[in-house]
């Protein structure tokens, strides 16, 4: 998967799970899923499960910091590293 395709797919997943109506253009590298996009802790857990399924990866609690899961750029980089 190319970096552009990953970016598009990840943003599409985030937009689909958001409680607010957001588009890809609303998501920036430093977007905080909780503060900026109104995700709650349940939605973050659902997002993790969705990412594991879509990208066929496993996200272990011990390998990822909380901030990695809520800052778009960090989440993108993490998924990119797991998806190679």
Foldseek 3Di string as FASTA:
>chain_A
DDLVVLLQVLQVLLCVLFPDRDHSVQADQFAFCCPRRPDDPVSLVVSQVVLCVVLVFDDDPVPDDPRLSGGNNSVSVVSVVRND
